[in-house]
Amino acid sequence: MKFFSSLRFQVAFTFLIVVIVTTLSLGSLLIKETETKFWKAEEEKLSTIGRQLVSSYNRVSEKLKVQADLLNTDLDVIKKTQLETALFDYTKPIHEENEEIGVGFFIYGDDFNRPLAVQESKSKDSEKIRVVFPVYENGKKAGFVWVEEPKDLVLSEIESLKAKERNIILVVLLISGILAIYISLMFVKKVTIIKTGLENLKSDLSYKLPVMNGEIGEISRAINDLSTSLLVSRSNSEKILETIASGVLIVSRDGIVKEFNRACEELLGVRKKDVIGKRYTLFPHLKEIVETVKGG
């Protein structure tokens, strides 16, 4: 129980709690932000492919129109025979690059409404994420193009990213925890130095605290300045006591001789160095004087 109530434990525990809460909060926000950005990136990827296919359809349509004019043939006839083959030239490379992506066209016609140049996703039975873009011809909607990707694949990639981020968070948490403990121990060490210094100053005003940085350093400098002032004051007081003709004897509440000037030495025939720091009761003359003063 003594350890848990110590300053070292309390400071380290506080630092750790702050670090853990902060790291986990920021980590949670980072994971959510990553997931949101990933979904947007996936949507943008599919949308980019869709826009490319719309542009491709426009080029194919214009090309077939020119061909129909040259052959003096109805455009729908040309479409029936060549449209799908021409569109395959655009959907096939996309699918070959990533077999999980499915693409295709659905074109309206007077005598056909059917999908064209379809490239199915490798994961046929899984739920899909799909984007759809309309295609126009002569200002009228001629059909649409779709691009799709298995939802499970996207979720798997997101989970993989989350796992990596969790590992990073754990590493950051571990490093932060170690730093928090180190910083708290350094803080407690400085406080302990101050405490030890104050205890030493009780018996020795000439004791100086070591130079330290930061706010703790300012405290240590202030204590050193104070001890210097007290030392000067005591020195002046001792000079006065040593020069006055009257005997001066100072005894603490617990009976320890604290001051014994030269006049006392001459009056009582006892040397100062023999009585300072000792109980007055050990010296009959001193005991008699002190007891008389107490009784008076």
C-alpha atoms as a PDB file:
ATOM      1  CA  MET A   1       0.000   0.000   0.000  1.00  0.00           C
ATOM      2  CA  LYS A   2       2.914   2.320   0.702  1.00  0.00           C
ATOM      3  CA  PHE A   3       4.081   2.000  -2.912  1.00  0.00           C
ATOM      4  CA  PHE A   4       0.632   2.935  -4.286  1.00  0.00           C
ATOM      5  CA  SER A   5       0.496   6.042  -2.110  1.00  0.00           C
ATOM      6  CA  SER A   6       3.998   7.157  -3.116  1.00  0.00           C
ATOM      7  CA  LEU A   7       4.558  10.217  -5.289  1.00  0.00           C
ATOM      8  CA  ARG A   8       6.461   8.079  -7.804  1.00  0.00           C
ATOM      9  CA  PHE A   9       3.467   5.800  -8.389  1.00  0.00           C
ATOM     10  CA  GLN A  10       0.895   8.602  -8.453  1.00  0.00           C
ATOM     11  CA  VAL A  11       2.814  10.682 -11.009  1.00  0.00           C
ATOM     12  CA  ALA A  12       3.592   7.664 -13.212  1.00  0.00           C
ATOM     13  CA  PHE A  13      -0.014   6.443 -13.015  1.00  0.00           C
ATOM     14  CA  THR A  14      -1.381   9.888 -13.921  1.00  0.00           C
ATOM     15  CA  PHE A  15       0.999  10.192 -16.880  1.00  0.00           C
ATOM     16  CA  LEU A  16       0.052   6.719 -18.100  1.00  0.00           C
ATOM     17  CA  ILE A  17      -3.689   7.387 -17.876  1.00  0.00           C
ATOM     18  CA  VAL A  18      -3.319  10.638 -19.836  1.00  0.00           C
ATOM     19  CA  VAL A  19      -1.146   8.947 -22.475  1.00  0.00           C
ATOM     20  CA  ILE A  20      -3.434   5.912 -22.825  1.00  0.00           C
ATOM     21  CA  VAL A  21      -6.651   7.939 -23.085  1.00  0.00           C
ATOM     22  CA  THR A  22      -5.105  10.415 -25.542  1.00  0.00           C
ATOM     23  CA  THR A  23      -3.508   7.732 -27.723  1.00  0.00           C
ATOM     24  CA  LEU A  24      -6.631   5.554 -27.852  1.00  0.00           C
ATOM     25  CA  SER A  25      -8.873   8.545 -28.612  1.00  0.00           C
ATOM     26  CA  LEU A  26      -6.633   9.778 -31.412  1.00  0.00           C
ATOM     27  CA  GLY A  27      -6.195   6.208 -32.661  1.00  0.00           C
ATOM     28  CA  SER A  28      -9.951   5.673 -32.819  1.00  0.00           C
ATOM     29  CA  LEU A  29     -10.400   8.910 -34.767  1.00  0.00           C
ATOM     30  CA  LEU A  30      -7.556   7.931 -37.093  1.00  0.00           C
ATOM     31  CA  ILE A  31      -9.109   4.526 -37.834  1.00  0.00           C
ATOM     32  CA  LYS A  32     -12.518   6.075 -38.561  1.00  0.00           C
ATOM     33  CA  GLU A  33     -10.924   8.726 -40.757  1.00  0.00           C
ATOM     34  CA  THR A  34      -8.948   6.072 -42.628  1.00  0.00           C
ATOM     35  CA  GLU A  35     -12.076   3.988 -43.231  1.00  0.00           C
ATOM     36  CA  THR A  36     -13.979   7.018 -44.529  1.00  0.00           C
ATOM     37  CA  LYS A  37     -11.124   8.023 -46.822  1.00  0.00           C
ATOM     38  CA  PHE A  38     -10.771   4.463 -48.100  1.00  0.00           C
ATOM     39  CA  TRP A  39     -14.468   4.242 -49.014  1.00  0.00           C
ATOM     40  CA  LYS A  40     -14.218   7.580 -50.807  1.00  0.00           C
ATOM     41  CA  ALA A  41     -11.086   6.418 -52.612  1.00  0.00           C
ATOM     42  CA  GLU A  42     -12.823   3.204 -53.727  1.00  0.00           C
ATOM     43  CA  GLU A  43     -15.844   5.139 -54.921  1.00  0.00           C
ATOM     44  CA  GLU A  44     -13.609   7.567 -56.787  1.00  0.00           C
ATOM     45  CA  LYS A  45     -11.674   4.676 -58.345  1.00  0.00           C
ATOM     46  CA  LEU A  46     -14.854   3.065 -59.673  1.00  0.00           C
ATOM     47  CA  SER A  47     -16.231   6.443 -60.746  1.00  0.00           C
ATOM     48  CA  THR A  48     -13.045   7.202 -62.673  1.00  0.00           C
ATOM     49  CA  ILE A  49     -13.346   3.906 -64.548  1.00  0.00           C
ATOM     50  CA  GLY A  50     -17.022   4.647 -65.214  1.00  0.00           C
ATOM     51  CA  ARG A  51     -16.259   8.084 -66.648  1.00  0.00           C
ATOM     52  CA  GLN A  52     -13.555   6.569 -68.842  1.00  0.00           C
ATOM     53  CA  LEU A  53     -16.053   4.038 -70.207  1.00  0.00           C
ATOM     54  CA  VAL A  54     -18.622   6.762 -70.893  1.00  0.00           C
ATOM     55  CA  SER A  55     -15.973   8.638 -72.833  1.00  0.00           C
ATOM     56  CA  SER A  56     -15.080   5.406 -74.633  1.00  0.00           C
ATOM     57  CA  TYR A  57     -18.704   4.843 -75.638  1.00  0.00           C
ATOM     58  CA  ASN A  58     -18.889   8.348 -77.068  1.00  0.00           C
ATOM     59  CA  ARG A  59     -15.797   7.704 -79.181  1.00  0.00           C
ATOM     60  CA  VAL A  60     -17.144   4.338 -80.395  1.00  0.00           C
ATOM     61  CA  SER A  61     -20.535   5.852 -81.152  1.00  0.00           C
ATOM     62  CA  GLU A  62     -18.999   8.652 -83.216  1.00  0.00           C
ATOM     63  CA  LYS A  63     -16.810   6.168 -85.048  1.00  0.00           C
ATOM     64  CA  LEU A  64     -19.799   3.957 -85.912  1.00  0.00           C
ATOM     65  CA  LYS A  65     -21.788   6.965 -87.085  1.00  0.00           C
ATOM     66  CA  VAL A  66     -19.014   7.883 -89.492  1.00  0.00           C
ATOM     67  CA  GLN A  67     -18.863   4.288 -90.678  1.00  0.00           C
ATOM     68  CA  ALA A  68     -22.644   4.148 -91.185  1.00  0.00           C
ATOM     69  CA  ASP A  69     -22.536   7.352 -93.211  1.00  0.00           C
ATOM     70  CA  LEU A  70     -19.709   6.053 -95.358  1.00  0.00           C
ATOM     71  CA  LEU A  71     -21.508   2.778 -96.007  1.00  0.00           C
ATOM     72  CA  ASN A  72     -24.859   4.529 -96.304  1.00  0.00           C
ATOM     73  CA  THR A  73     -26.172   2.018 -93.795  1.00  0.00           C
ATOM     74  CA  ASP A  74     -28.564   2.364 -90.872  1.00  0.00           C
ATOM     75  CA  LEU A  75     -26.659   3.048 -87.647  1.00  0.00           C
ATOM     76  CA  ASP A  76     -28.615   0.400 -85.712  1.00  0.00           C
ATOM     77  CA  VAL A  77     -27.438  -2.238 -88.172  1.00  0.00           C
ATOM     78  CA  ILE A  78     -23.834  -1.219 -87.632  1.00  0.00           C
ATOM     79  CA  LYS A  79     -24.398  -1.218 -83.879  1.00  0.00           C
ATOM     80  CA  LYS A  80     -25.750  -4.744 -83.880  1.00  0.00           C
ATOM     81  CA  THR A  81     -22.693  -6.113 -85.595  1.00  0.00           C
ATOM     82  CA  GLN A  82     -19.855  -3.962 -84.290  1.00  0.00           C
ATOM     83  CA  LEU A  83     -20.837  -2.104 -81.106  1.00  0.00           C
ATOM     84  CA  GLU A  84     -20.154  -4.885 -78.628  1.00  0.00           C
ATOM     85  CA  THR A  85     -16.844  -5.822 -80.265  1.00  0.00           C
ATOM     86  CA  ALA A  86     -15.733  -2.200 -80.149  1.00  0.00           C
ATOM     87  CA  LEU A  87     -16.752  -1.811 -76.497  1.00  0.00           C
ATOM     88  CA  PHE A  88     -14.928  -5.016 -75.540  1.00  0.00           C
ATOM     89  CA  ASP A  89     -11.708  -3.239 -76.500  1.00  0.00           C
ATOM     90  CA  TYR A  90     -12.324  -0.926 -73.511  1.00  0.00           C
ATOM     91  CA  THR A  91     -13.819  -3.247 -70.896  1.00  0.00           C
ATOM     92  CA  LYS A  92     -11.437  -6.158 -71.393  1.00  0.00           C
ATOM     93  CA  PRO A  93      -8.188  -4.330 -70.404  1.00  0.00           C
ATOM     94  CA  ILE A  94      -9.871  -3.016 -67.244  1.00  0.00           C
ATOM     95  CA  HIS A  95     -10.920  -6.519 -66.230  1.00  0.00           C
ATOM     96  CA  GLU A  96      -7.525  -8.005 -67.080  1.00  0.00           C
ATOM     97  CA  GLU A  97      -5.832  -5.457 -64.844  1.00  0.00           C
ATOM     98  CA  ASN A  98      -8.085  -6.362 -61.911  1.00  0.00           C
ATOM     99  CA  GLU A  99     -10.266  -9.452 -62.206  1.00  0.00           C
ATOM    100  CA  GLU A 100     -12.261  -8.455 -59.134  1.00  0.00           C
ATOM    101  CA  ILE A 101     -13.681  -5.433 -60.963  1.00  0.00           C
ATOM    102  CA  GLY A 102     -16.736  -6.034 -63.119  1.00  0.00           C
ATOM    103  CA  VAL A 103     -17.718  -3.648 -65.926  1.00  0.00           C
ATOM    104  CA  GLY A 104     -20.287  -3.529 -68.697  1.00  0.00           C
ATOM    105  CA  PHE A 105     -22.671  -1.503 -70.833  1.00  0.00           C
ATOM    106  CA  PHE A 106     -26.426  -1.720 -71.170  1.00  0.00           C
ATOM    107  CA  ILE A 107     -27.532  -0.110 -74.407  1.00  0.00           C
ATOM    108  CA  TYR A 108     -31.095   0.667 -75.449  1.00  0.00           C
ATOM    109  CA  GLY A 109     -32.229   0.038 -79.027  1.00  0.00           C
ATOM    110  CA  ASP A 110     -35.381  -0.314 -81.097  1.00  0.00           C
ATOM    111  CA  ASP A 111     -35.090  -4.066 -81.261  1.00  0.00           C
ATOM    112  CA  PHE A 112     -32.546  -4.799 -78.542  1.00  0.00           C
ATOM    113  CA  ASN A 113     -32.114  -3.820 -74.923  1.00  0.00           C
ATOM    114  CA  ARG A 114     -29.263  -5.838 -73.611  1.00  0.00           C
ATOM    115  CA  PRO A 115     -25.946  -5.728 -71.801  1.00  0.00           C
ATOM    116  CA  LEU A 116     -22.859  -5.423 -73.965  1.00  0.00           C
ATOM    117  CA  ALA A 117     -19.133  -6.041 -73.457  1.00  0.00           C
ATOM    118  CA  VAL A 118     -19.753  -7.364 -69.951  1.00  0.00           C
ATOM    119  CA  GLN A 119     -16.751  -8.391 -67.856  1.00  0.00           C
ATOM    120  CA  GLU A 120     -17.951 -10.103 -64.697  1.00  0.00           C
ATOM    121  CA  SER A 121     -16.140  -9.859 -61.399  1.00  0.00           C
ATOM    122  CA  LYS A 122     -14.180 -12.929 -60.375  1.00  0.00           C
ATOM    123  CA  SER A 123     -16.224 -13.029 -57.154  1.00  0.00           C
ATOM    124  CA  LYS A 124     -19.568 -13.536 -58.867  1.00  0.00           C
ATOM    125  CA  ASP A 125     -21.709 -14.454 -55.874  1.00  0.00           C
ATOM    126  CA  SER A 126     -20.568 -11.823 -53.378  1.00  0.00           C
ATOM    127  CA  GLU A 127     -22.346  -8.560 -52.668  1.00  0.00           C
ATOM    128  CA  LYS A 128     -21.119  -5.779 -54.947  1.00  0.00           C
ATOM    129  CA  ILE A 129     -20.400  -2.089 -54.682  1.00  0.00           C
ATOM    130  CA  ARG A 130     -21.628  -0.584 -57.940  1.00  0.00           C
ATOM    131  CA  VAL A 131     -21.525   2.814 -59.607  1.00  0.00           C
ATOM    132  CA  VAL A 132     -23.640   3.594 -62.681  1.00  0.00           C
ATOM    133  CA  PHE A 133     -23.182   6.343 -65.275  1.00  0.00           C
ATOM    134  CA  PRO A 134     -25.642   7.146 -68.083  1.00  0.00           C
ATOM    135  CA  VAL A 135     -24.483   7.373 -71.691  1.00  0.00           C
ATOM    136  CA  TYR A 136     -26.114   9.723 -74.172  1.00  0.00           C
ATOM    137  CA  GLU A 137     -26.469   9.814 -77.903  1.00  0.00           C
ATOM    138  CA  ASN A 138     -27.817  12.833 -79.777  1.00  0.00           C
ATOM    139  CA  GLY A 139     -28.895  14.338 -76.453  1.00  0.00           C
ATOM    140  CA  LYS A 140     -30.951  11.287 -75.519  1.00  0.00           C
ATOM    141  CA  LYS A 141     -30.120   8.639 -72.962  1.00  0.00           C
ATOM    142  CA  ALA A 142     -28.782   5.659 -74.895  1.00  0.00           C
ATOM    143  CA  GLY A 143     -28.098   3.396 -71.922  1.00  0.00           C
ATOM    144  CA  PHE A 144     -25.692   3.208 -69.033  1.00  0.00           C
ATOM    145  CA  VAL A 145     -22.344   1.826 -67.979  1.00  0.00           C
ATOM    146  CA  TRP A 146     -21.688   0.155 -64.644  1.00  0.00           C
ATOM    147  CA  VAL A 147     -18.554  -0.609 -62.658  1.00  0.00           C
ATOM    148  CA  GLU A 148     -18.645  -2.886 -59.640  1.00  0.00           C
ATOM    149  CA  GLU A 149     -16.348  -4.434 -57.073  1.00  0.00           C
ATOM    150  CA  PRO A 150     -17.009  -7.093 -54.391  1.00  0.00           C
ATOM    151  CA  LYS A 151     -17.893  -5.489 -51.073  1.00  0.00           C
ATOM    152  CA  ASP A 152     -16.114  -8.273 -49.178  1.00  0.00           C
ATOM    153  CA  LEU A 153     -12.869  -7.393 -50.941  1.00  0.00           C
ATOM    154  CA  VAL A 154     -13.144  -3.747 -49.951  1.00  0.00           C
ATOM    155  CA  LEU A 155     -14.038  -4.649 -46.368  1.00  0.00           C
ATOM    156  CA  SER A 156     -11.083  -7.031 -46.254  1.00  0.00           C
ATOM    157  CA  GLU A 157      -8.721  -4.274 -47.387  1.00  0.00           C
ATOM    158  CA  ILE A 158     -10.201  -1.899 -44.816  1.00  0.00           C
ATOM    159  CA  GLU A 159      -9.735  -4.466 -42.043  1.00  0.00           C
ATOM    160  CA  SER A 160      -6.152  -4.986 -43.168  1.00  0.00           C
ATOM    161  CA  LEU A 161      -5.521  -1.243 -42.921  1.00  0.00           C
ATOM    162  CA  LYS A 162      -7.219  -1.127 -39.522  1.00  0.00           C
ATOM    163  CA  ALA A 163      -5.034  -3.971 -38.266  1.00  0.00           C
ATOM    164  CA  LYS A 164      -1.901  -2.124 -39.375  1.00  0.00           C
ATOM    165  CA  GLU A 165      -3.087   1.070 -37.698  1.00  0.00           C
ATOM    166  CA  ARG A 166      -3.915  -0.828 -34.497  1.00  0.00           C
ATOM    167  CA  ASN A 167      -0.390  -2.225 -34.473  1.00  0.00           C
ATOM    168  CA  ILE A 168       0.995   1.278 -34.957  1.00  0.00           C
ATOM    169  CA  ILE A 169      -1.214   2.551 -32.120  1.00  0.00           C
ATOM    170  CA  LEU A 170       0.025  -0.240 -29.843  1.00  0.00           C
ATOM    171  CA  VAL A 171       3.639   0.622 -30.649  1.00  0.00           C
ATOM    172  CA  VAL A 172       2.966   4.328 -30.056  1.00  0.00           C
ATOM    173  CA  LEU A 173       1.163   3.438 -26.829  1.00  0.00           C
ATOM    174  CA  LEU A 174       4.091   1.328 -25.656  1.00  0.00           C
ATOM    175  CA  ILE A 175       6.667   3.997 -26.505  1.00  0.00           C
ATOM    176  CA  SER A 176       4.500   6.730 -24.977  1.00  0.00           C
ATOM    177  CA  GLY A 177       4.017   4.638 -21.846  1.00  0.00           C
ATOM    178  CA  ILE A 178       7.756   4.134 -21.475  1.00  0.00           C
ATOM    179  CA  LEU A 179       8.363   7.857 -22.011  1.00  0.00           C
ATOM    180  CA  ALA A 180       5.615   8.717 -19.522  1.00  0.00           C
ATOM    181  CA  ILE A 181       7.170   6.473 -16.883  1.00  0.00           C
ATOM    182  CA  TYR A 182      10.635   7.877 -17.620  1.00  0.00           C
ATOM    183  CA  ILE A 183       9.439  11.495 -17.426  1.00  0.00           C
ATOM    184  CA  SER A 184       7.522  10.828 -14.212  1.00  0.00           C
ATOM    185  CA  LEU A 185      10.548   9.130 -12.648  1.00  0.00           C
ATOM    186  CA  MET A 186      12.758  12.070 -13.628  1.00  0.00           C
ATOM    187  CA  PHE A 187      10.222  14.436 -12.087  1.00  0.00           C
ATOM    188  CA  VAL A 188      10.024  12.406  -8.885  1.00  0.00           C
ATOM    189  CA  LYS A 189      13.821  12.193  -8.787  1.00  0.00           C
ATOM    190  CA  LYS A 190      14.069  15.990  -8.848  1.00  0.00           C
ATOM    191  CA  VAL A 191      11.403  16.311  -6.167  1.00  0.00           C
ATOM    192  CA  THR A 192      13.310  13.780  -4.060  1.00  0.00           C
ATOM    193  CA  ILE A 193      16.484  15.857  -4.472  1.00  0.00           C
ATOM    194  CA  ILE A 194      14.596  18.922  -3.235  1.00  0.00           C
ATOM    195  CA  LYS A 195      13.212  16.956  -0.286  1.00  0.00           C
ATOM    196  CA  THR A 196      16.644  15.582   0.645  1.00  0.00           C
ATOM    197  CA  GLY A 197      18.159  19.039   0.316  1.00  0.00           C
ATOM    198  CA  LEU A 198      15.597  20.554   2.675  1.00  0.00           C
ATOM    199  CA  GLU A 199      16.289  17.818   5.209  1.00  0.00           C
ATOM    200  CA  ASN A 200      20.032  18.516   4.976  1.00  0.00           C
ATOM    201  CA  LEU A 201      19.434  22.235   5.417  1.00  0.00           C
ATOM    202  CA  LYS A 202      17.894  21.554   8.818  1.00  0.00           C
ATOM    203  CA  SER A 203      21.334  20.760  10.170  1.00  0.00           C
ATOM    204  CA  ASP A 204      23.595  22.492   7.653  1.00  0.00           C
ATOM    205  CA  LEU A 205      22.651  25.823   6.115  1.00  0.00           C
ATOM    206  CA  SER A 206      25.768  25.722   3.951  1.00  0.00           C
ATOM    207  CA  TYR A 207      24.357  22.755   2.009  1.00  0.00           C
ATOM    208  CA  LYS A 208      23.551  23.613  -1.613  1.00  0.00           C
ATOM    209  CA  LEU A 209      21.021  21.905  -3.847  1.00  0.00           C
ATOM    210  CA  PRO A 210      22.366  20.820  -7.256  1.00  0.00           C
ATOM    211  CA  VAL A 211      21.658  22.983 -10.306  1.00  0.00           C
ATOM    212  CA  MET A 212      18.629  21.699 -12.261  1.00  0.00           C
ATOM    213  CA  ASN A 213      16.659  22.825 -15.303  1.00  0.00           C
ATOM    214  CA  GLY A 214      13.066  23.963 -15.590  1.00  0.00           C
ATOM    215  CA  GLU A 215      10.665  24.973 -12.837  1.00  0.00           C
ATOM    216  CA  ILE A 216      12.235  22.509 -10.389  1.00  0.00           C
ATOM    217  CA  GLY A 217      15.566  24.217 -11.060  1.00  0.00           C
ATOM    218  CA  GLU A 218      14.015  27.579 -10.191  1.00  0.00           C
ATOM    219  CA  ILE A 219      12.787  26.126  -6.899  1.00  0.00           C
ATOM    220  CA  SER A 220      16.245  24.728  -6.082  1.00  0.00           C
ATOM    221  CA  ARG A 221      17.869  28.099  -6.871  1.00  0.00           C
ATOM    222  CA  ALA A 222      15.340  29.884  -4.660  1.00  0.00           C
ATOM    223  CA  ILE A 223      16.081  27.469  -1.799  1.00  0.00           C
ATOM    224  CA  ASN A 224      19.825  27.973  -2.265  1.00  0.00           C
ATOM    225  CA  ASP A 225      19.359  31.746  -2.194  1.00  0.00           C
ATOM    226  CA  LEU A 226      17.257  31.456   0.950  1.00  0.00           C
ATOM    227  CA  SER A 227      19.798  29.204   2.677  1.00  0.00           C
ATOM    228  CA  THR A 228      22.562  31.664   1.773  1.00  0.00           C
ATOM    229  CA  SER A 229      20.563  34.520   3.295  1.00  0.00           C
ATOM    230  CA  LEU A 230      19.886  32.491   6.430  1.00  0.00           C
ATOM    231  CA  LEU A 231      23.549  31.540   6.648  1.00  0.00           C
ATOM    232  CA  VAL A 232      24.569  35.192   6.459  1.00  0.00           C
ATOM    233  CA  SER A 233      21.971  36.122   9.061  1.00  0.00           C
ATOM    234  CA  ARG A 234      23.137  33.359  11.377  1.00  0.00           C
ATOM    235  CA  SER A 235      26.750  34.390  10.894  1.00  0.00           C
ATOM    236  CA  ASN A 236      25.882  37.950  11.837  1.00  0.00           C
ATOM    237  CA  SER A 237      23.914  36.736  14.843  1.00  0.00           C
ATOM    238  CA  GLU A 238      26.826  34.553  15.958  1.00  0.00           C
ATOM    239  CA  LYS A 239      29.208  37.489  15.683  1.00  0.00           C
ATOM    240  CA  ILE A 240      26.913  39.560  17.864  1.00  0.00           C
ATOM    241  CA  LEU A 241      26.550  36.742  20.389  1.00  0.00           C
ATOM    242  CA  GLU A 242      30.302  36.224  20.527  1.00  0.00           C
ATOM    243  CA  THR A 243      31.019  39.889  21.161  1.00  0.00           C
ATOM    244  CA  ILE A 244      28.460  40.693  23.848  1.00  0.00           C
ATOM    245  CA  ALA A 245      29.570  40.480  27.477  1.00  0.00           C
ATOM    246  CA  SER A 246      26.492  38.626  28.710  1.00  0.00           C
ATOM    247  CA  GLY A 247      26.307  34.870  28.543  1.00  0.00           C
ATOM    248  CA  VAL A 248      23.797  33.519  26.022  1.00  0.00           C
ATOM    249  CA  LEU A 249      22.538  29.952  26.257  1.00  0.00           C
ATOM    250  CA  ILE A 250      19.882  28.664  23.848  1.00  0.00           C
ATOM    251  CA  VAL A 251      18.250  25.285  24.437  1.00  0.00           C
ATOM    252  CA  SER A 252      15.661  23.656  22.145  1.00  0.00           C
ATOM    253  CA  ARG A 253      12.336  22.294  23.374  1.00  0.00           C
ATOM    254  CA  ASP A 254      13.767  18.793  23.434  1.00  0.00           C
ATOM    255  CA  GLY A 255      16.682  19.886  25.632  1.00  0.00           C
ATOM    256  CA  ILE A 256      19.444  20.166  23.020  1.00  0.00           C
ATOM    257  CA  VAL A 257      21.955  22.994  23.383  1.00  0.00           C
ATOM    258  CA  LYS A 258      21.763  25.127  20.249  1.00  0.00           C
ATOM    259  CA  GLU A 259      23.812  28.184  21.176  1.00  0.00           C
ATOM    260  CA  PHE A 260      26.547  28.809  23.721  1.00  0.00           C
ATOM    261  CA  ASN A 261      28.558  31.998  23.380  1.00  0.00           C
ATOM    262  CA  ARG A 262      32.055  32.872  24.530  1.00  0.00           C
ATOM    263  CA  ALA A 263      30.821  34.675  27.650  1.00  0.00           C
ATOM    264  CA  CYS A 264      29.119  31.419  28.727  1.00  0.00           C
ATOM    265  CA  GLU A 265      32.375  29.555  28.255  1.00  0.00           C
ATOM    266  CA  GLU A 266      34.150  31.993  30.563  1.00  0.00           C
ATOM    267  CA  LEU A 267      31.348  32.074  33.151  1.00  0.00           C
ATOM    268  CA  LEU A 268      30.763  28.315  33.348  1.00  0.00           C
ATOM    269  CA  GLY A 269      34.176  27.000  32.410  1.00  0.00           C
ATOM    270  CA  VAL A 270      32.766  24.769  29.673  1.00  0.00           C
ATOM    271  CA  ARG A 271      33.890  24.836  26.063  1.00  0.00           C
ATOM    272  CA  LYS A 272      31.309  25.545  23.382  1.00  0.00           C
ATOM    273  CA  LYS A 273      32.299  22.583  21.230  1.00  0.00           C
ATOM    274  CA  ASP A 274      31.686  20.234  24.149  1.00  0.00           C
ATOM    275  CA  VAL A 275      28.057  21.237  24.718  1.00  0.00           C
ATOM    276  CA  ILE A 276      26.632  22.237  21.324  1.00  0.00           C
ATOM    277  CA  GLY A 277      24.260  19.564  20.041  1.00  0.00           C
ATOM    278  CA  LYS A 278      24.081  17.726  23.363  1.00  0.00           C
ATOM    279  CA  ARG A 279      21.424  17.577  26.060  1.00  0.00           C
ATOM    280  CA  TYR A 280      21.867  20.241  28.718  1.00  0.00           C
ATOM    281  CA  THR A 281      21.112  17.692  31.454  1.00  0.00           C
ATOM    282  CA  LEU A 282      24.547  16.140  30.858  1.00  0.00           C
ATOM    283  CA  PHE A 283      26.184  19.237  32.344  1.00  0.00           C
ATOM    284  CA  PRO A 284      25.344  20.039  35.988  1.00  0.00           C
ATOM    285  CA  HIS A 285      25.985  23.782  35.677  1.00  0.00           C
ATOM    286  CA  LEU A 286      23.809  24.044  32.591  1.00  0.00           C
ATOM    287  CA  LYS A 287      21.099  21.913  34.142  1.00  0.00           C
ATOM    288  CA  GLU A 288      20.985  24.136  37.185  1.00  0.00           C
ATOM    289  CA  ILE A 289      20.690  27.291  35.101  1.00  0.00           C
ATOM    290  CA  VAL A 290      18.036  25.903  32.759  1.00  0.00           C
ATOM    291  CA  GLU A 291      15.963  24.415  35.579  1.00  0.00           C
ATOM    292  CA  THR A 292      16.152  27.708  37.463  1.00  0.00           C
ATOM    293  CA  VAL A 293      14.941  29.626  34.402  1.00  0.00           C
ATOM    294  CA  LYS A 294      12.139  27.130  33.849  1.00  0.00           C
ATOM    295  CA  GLY A 295      11.101  27.330  37.448  1.00  0.00           C
ATOM    296  CA  GLY A 296      11.175  31.129  37.399  1.00  0.00           C
END
